[in-house]
Amino acid sequence: MLIKILKKLAGGGIYSNRLMTTELGVDKRLVEQMINQLQQPEYIERDSIGNCSSHCSCCTSKKRCCSNNDFIDLNIWRITDKGEKAMSQ
């Protein structure tokens, strides 16, 4: 299940915990736990963005997630080299 989440995050796009729960068919708390489990061994890294209007200027997803919001709290996940290796095994 952890590898499925890694692959979804690596595929790009915008995923909320709610969308992950729907696609994976699991409880929201389980998704949150799995995200935390992926952070601990450093398979993913989090970049929190507090002010979308000033910090998303170079983000390719800005039009989809921030177009009508002046302020939005986002968690952007980046797959680390260690995470890439885990997906290829």
N, C-alpha and C. Protein backbone atom coordinates (compact mmCIF):
# COMPACT_ATOMS: atom_id res chain seq x y z
N MET A 1 0.82 -1.19 0.00
CA MET A 1 0.00 0.00 0.00
C MET A 1 0.87 1.26 0.00
N LEU A 2 2.00 1.22 0.72
CA LEU A 2 2.90 2.37 0.75
C LEU A 2 3.47 2.65 -0.64
N ILE A 3 3.80 1.60 -1.35
CA ILE A 3 4.35 1.77 -2.70
C ILE A 3 3.28 2.36 -3.63
N LYS A 4 2.02 1.99 -3.44
CA LYS A 4 0.94 2.57 -4.25
C LYS A 4 0.87 4.08 -4.04
N ILE A 5 0.98 4.51 -2.79
CA ILE A 5 0.95 5.96 -2.51
C ILE A 5 2.17 6.64 -3.12
N LEU A 6 3.33 6.02 -2.98
CA LEU A 6 4.53 6.60 -3.60
C LEU A 6 4.35 6.78 -5.10
N LYS A 7 3.82 5.77 -5.75
CA LYS A 7 3.63 5.83 -7.20
C LYS A 7 2.62 6.90 -7.59
N LYS A 8 1.56 7.06 -6.81
CA LYS A 8 0.58 8.10 -7.10
C LYS A 8 1.22 9.48 -6.96
N LEU A 9 1.98 9.67 -5.89
CA LEU A 9 2.65 10.96 -5.69
C LEU A 9 3.69 11.21 -6.78
N ALA A 10 4.40 10.17 -7.18
CA ALA A 10 5.42 10.31 -8.21
C ALA A 10 4.81 10.61 -9.58
N GLY A 11 3.57 10.19 -9.78
CA GLY A 11 2.90 10.40 -11.06
C GLY A 11 2.49 11.84 -11.29
N GLY A 12 2.62 12.66 -10.28
CA GLY A 12 2.26 14.08 -10.40
C GLY A 12 0.78 14.29 -10.16
N GLY A 13 0.33 15.46 -10.43
CA GLY A 13 -1.06 15.80 -10.19
C GLY A 13 -1.28 16.27 -8.77
N ILE A 14 -2.51 16.50 -8.44
CA ILE A 14 -2.87 17.01 -7.12
C ILE A 14 -3.68 15.94 -6.41
N TYR A 15 -3.22 15.55 -5.23
CA TYR A 15 -3.91 14.55 -4.43
C TYR A 15 -4.17 15.08 -3.04
N SER A 16 -5.40 15.01 -2.62
CA SER A 16 -5.74 15.30 -1.23
C SER A 16 -5.81 13.96 -0.51
N ASN A 17 -5.78 14.02 0.80
CA ASN A 17 -5.95 12.78 1.56
C ASN A 17 -7.29 12.15 1.26
N ARG A 18 -8.31 12.98 1.06
CA ARG A 18 -9.65 12.47 0.74
C ARG A 18 -9.63 11.71 -0.59
N LEU A 19 -8.97 12.27 -1.59
CA LEU A 19 -8.89 11.59 -2.89
C LEU A 19 -8.12 10.28 -2.76
N MET A 20 -7.03 10.31 -1.99
CA MET A 20 -6.26 9.08 -1.78
C MET A 20 -7.12 8.01 -1.13
N THR A 21 -7.92 8.40 -0.12
CA THR A 21 -8.76 7.41 0.55
C THR A 21 -9.76 6.79 -0.42
N THR A 22 -10.31 7.61 -1.29
CA THR A 22 -11.28 7.12 -2.27
C THR A 22 -10.61 6.16 -3.26
N GLU A 23 -9.47 6.57 -3.80
CA GLU A 23 -8.79 5.74 -4.80
C GLU A 23 -8.24 4.44 -4.22
N LEU A 24 -7.79 4.49 -2.96
CA LEU A 24 -7.21 3.29 -2.35
C LEU A 24 -8.23 2.47 -1.58
N GLY A 25 -9.40 3.06 -1.31
CA GLY A 25 -10.44 2.34 -0.58
C GLY A 25 -10.11 2.11 0.88
N VAL A 26 -9.44 3.09 1.49
CA VAL A 26 -9.07 2.97 2.91
C VAL A 26 -9.52 4.20 3.67
N ASP A 27 -9.43 4.15 4.99
CA ASP A 27 -9.82 5.24 5.87
C ASP A 27 -8.81 6.40 5.78
N LYS A 28 -9.30 7.62 5.98
CA LYS A 28 -8.44 8.81 5.93
C LYS A 28 -7.30 8.73 6.94
N ARG A 29 -7.59 8.23 8.12
CA ARG A 29 -6.54 8.11 9.15
C ARG A 29 -5.43 7.17 8.69
N LEU A 30 -5.80 6.12 7.97
CA LEU A 30 -4.79 5.19 7.47
C LEU A 30 -3.90 5.87 6.43
N VAL A 31 -4.50 6.67 5.56
CA VAL A 31 -3.70 7.42 4.58
C VAL A 31 -2.74 8.35 5.30
N GLU A 32 -3.21 9.06 6.31
CA GLU A 32 -2.34 9.97 7.07
C GLU A 32 -1.19 9.21 7.72
N GLN A 33 -1.48 8.02 8.27
CA GLN A 33 -0.44 7.20 8.89
C GLN A 33 0.58 6.75 7.85
N MET A 34 0.09 6.37 6.67
CA MET A 34 1.01 5.91 5.62
C MET A 34 1.89 7.05 5.12
N ILE A 35 1.32 8.25 5.00
CA ILE A 35 2.13 9.41 4.60
C ILE A 35 3.23 9.63 5.65
N ASN A 36 2.87 9.55 6.93
CA ASN A 36 3.87 9.69 7.99
C ASN A 36 4.92 8.60 7.91
N GLN A 37 4.50 7.37 7.58
CA GLN A 37 5.45 6.27 7.45
C GLN A 37 6.40 6.49 6.28
N LEU A 38 5.95 7.14 5.24
CA LEU A 38 6.81 7.43 4.10
C LEU A 38 7.79 8.57 4.40
N GLN A 39 7.41 9.44 5.32
CA GLN A 39 8.30 10.53 5.72
C GLN A 39 9.43 10.05 6.62
N GLN A 40 9.15 9.13 7.53
CA GLN A 40 10.14 8.71 8.52
C GLN A 40 11.41 8.15 7.89
N PRO A 41 11.32 7.23 6.94
CA PRO A 41 12.56 6.74 6.32
C PRO A 41 13.03 7.63 5.17
N GLU A 42 12.40 8.79 5.05
CA GLU A 42 12.76 9.80 4.04
C GLU A 42 12.54 9.34 2.61
N TYR A 43 11.39 8.65 2.38
CA TYR A 43 11.00 8.32 1.01
C TYR A 43 10.34 9.52 0.34
N ILE A 44 9.73 10.39 1.15
CA ILE A 44 9.14 11.62 0.65
C ILE A 44 9.57 12.77 1.56
N GLU A 45 9.56 13.97 0.98
CA GLU A 45 9.85 15.19 1.73
C GLU A 45 8.69 16.15 1.54
N ARG A 46 8.38 16.89 2.60
CA ARG A 46 7.26 17.83 2.54
C ARG A 46 7.78 19.25 2.44
N ASP A 47 7.11 20.01 1.58
CA ASP A 47 7.39 21.43 1.45
C ASP A 47 6.07 22.15 1.68
N SER A 48 5.88 22.73 2.86
CA SER A 48 4.63 23.42 3.17
C SER A 48 4.66 24.83 2.61
N ILE A 49 3.60 25.19 1.93
CA ILE A 49 3.48 26.52 1.34
C ILE A 49 2.28 27.19 1.99
N GLY A 50 2.52 28.29 2.65
CA GLY A 50 1.44 28.96 3.37
C GLY A 50 0.71 30.00 2.56
N ASN A 51 1.37 30.69 1.68
CA ASN A 51 0.74 31.76 0.91
C ASN A 51 0.87 31.45 -0.56
N CYS A 52 -0.15 30.84 -1.10
CA CYS A 52 -0.12 30.37 -2.48
C CYS A 52 0.11 31.49 -3.47
N SER A 53 -0.48 32.64 -3.23
CA SER A 53 -0.40 33.71 -4.22
C SER A 53 1.02 34.20 -4.46
N SER A 54 1.90 34.03 -3.48
CA SER A 54 3.27 34.49 -3.70
C SER A 54 4.26 33.35 -3.90
N HIS A 55 3.93 32.16 -3.42
CA HIS A 55 4.88 31.05 -3.50
C HIS A 55 4.63 30.09 -4.65
N CYS A 56 3.55 30.21 -5.37
CA CYS A 56 3.24 29.26 -6.45
C CYS A 56 3.58 29.79 -7.83
N SER A 57 4.28 30.88 -7.92
CA SER A 57 4.50 31.49 -9.23
C SER A 57 5.17 30.55 -10.22
N CYS A 58 6.00 29.63 -9.73
CA CYS A 58 6.66 28.70 -10.66
C CYS A 58 6.03 27.32 -10.66
N CYS A 59 4.96 27.13 -9.92
CA CYS A 59 4.33 25.82 -9.81
C CYS A 59 3.43 25.55 -11.02
N THR A 60 3.57 24.38 -11.62
CA THR A 60 2.78 24.04 -12.79
C THR A 60 1.32 23.74 -12.45
N SER A 61 1.02 23.50 -11.17
CA SER A 61 -0.35 23.19 -10.75
C SER A 61 -1.11 24.41 -10.25
N LYS A 62 -0.51 25.59 -10.31
CA LYS A 62 -1.14 26.78 -9.73
C LYS A 62 -2.55 27.01 -10.25
N LYS A 63 -2.76 26.89 -11.52
CA LYS A 63 -4.09 27.17 -12.08
C LYS A 63 -5.14 26.20 -11.56
N ARG A 64 -4.75 24.98 -11.25
CA ARG A 64 -5.71 23.99 -10.77
C ARG A 64 -6.01 24.12 -9.28
N CYS A 65 -5.02 24.49 -8.47
CA CYS A 65 -5.28 24.47 -7.03
C CYS A 65 -5.37 25.85 -6.41
N CYS A 66 -4.91 26.88 -7.05
CA CYS A 66 -4.82 28.18 -6.39
C CYS A 66 -5.52 29.31 -7.12
N SER A 67 -6.12 29.04 -8.23
CA SER A 67 -6.61 30.13 -9.06
C SER A 67 -7.62 31.04 -8.38
N ASN A 68 -8.43 30.54 -7.47
CA ASN A 68 -9.44 31.36 -6.82
C ASN A 68 -9.16 31.59 -5.34
N ASN A 69 -7.95 31.32 -4.89
CA ASN A 69 -7.63 31.46 -3.48
C ASN A 69 -6.44 32.39 -3.30
N ASP A 70 -6.60 33.38 -2.43
CA ASP A 70 -5.48 34.25 -2.11
C ASP A 70 -4.52 33.58 -1.15
N PHE A 71 -5.07 32.83 -0.19
CA PHE A 71 -4.26 32.13 0.79
C PHE A 71 -4.75 30.70 0.89
N ILE A 72 -3.82 29.78 0.81
CA ILE A 72 -4.17 28.36 0.90
C ILE A 72 -3.01 27.63 1.55
N ASP A 73 -3.29 26.65 2.37
CA ASP A 73 -2.26 25.87 3.02
C ASP A 73 -2.08 24.58 2.24
N LEU A 74 -0.93 24.42 1.62
CA LEU A 74 -0.66 23.25 0.78
C LEU A 74 0.50 22.44 1.34
N ASN A 75 0.43 21.17 1.14
CA ASN A 75 1.57 20.30 1.39
C ASN A 75 1.97 19.71 0.06
N ILE A 76 3.15 20.06 -0.37
CA ILE A 76 3.69 19.54 -1.62
C ILE A 76 4.67 18.43 -1.25
N TRP A 77 4.46 17.25 -1.81
CA TRP A 77 5.33 16.10 -1.51
C TRP A 77 6.29 15.87 -2.65
N ARG A 78 7.54 15.66 -2.32
CA ARG A 78 8.56 15.34 -3.30
C ARG A 78 9.11 13.96 -2.98
N ILE A 79 9.21 13.12 -4.00
CA ILE A 79 9.78 11.78 -3.83
C ILE A 79 11.29 11.93 -3.79
N THR A 80 11.93 11.38 -2.78
CA THR A 80 13.38 11.46 -2.65
C THR A 80 14.03 10.36 -3.50
N ASP A 81 15.34 10.41 -3.61
CA ASP A 81 16.07 9.35 -4.32
C ASP A 81 15.81 8.00 -3.66
N LYS A 82 15.75 8.01 -2.34
CA LYS A 82 15.47 6.78 -1.60
C LYS A 82 14.06 6.24 -1.95
N GLY A 83 13.12 7.14 -2.10
CA GLY A 83 11.76 6.75 -2.49
C GLY A 83 11.72 6.20 -3.90
N GLU A 84 12.47 6.82 -4.81
CA GLU A 84 12.56 6.33 -6.19
C GLU A 84 13.11 4.91 -6.22
N LYS A 85 14.14 4.66 -5.41
CA LYS A 85 14.74 3.31 -5.36
C LYS A 85 13.73 2.30 -4.81
N ALA A 86 12.95 2.71 -3.80
CA ALA A 86 11.96 1.81 -3.21
C ALA A 86 10.89 1.43 -4.23
N MET A 87 10.51 2.36 -5.09
CA MET A 87 9.50 2.07 -6.11
C MET A 87 10.01 1.12 -7.18
N SER A 88 11.31 1.15 -7.44
CA SER A 88 11.87 0.32 -8.51
C SER A 88 12.20 -1.09 -8.07
N GLN A 89 12.09 -1.38 -6.79
CA GLN A 89 12.41 -2.72 -6.30
C GLN A 89 11.26 -3.66 -6.43
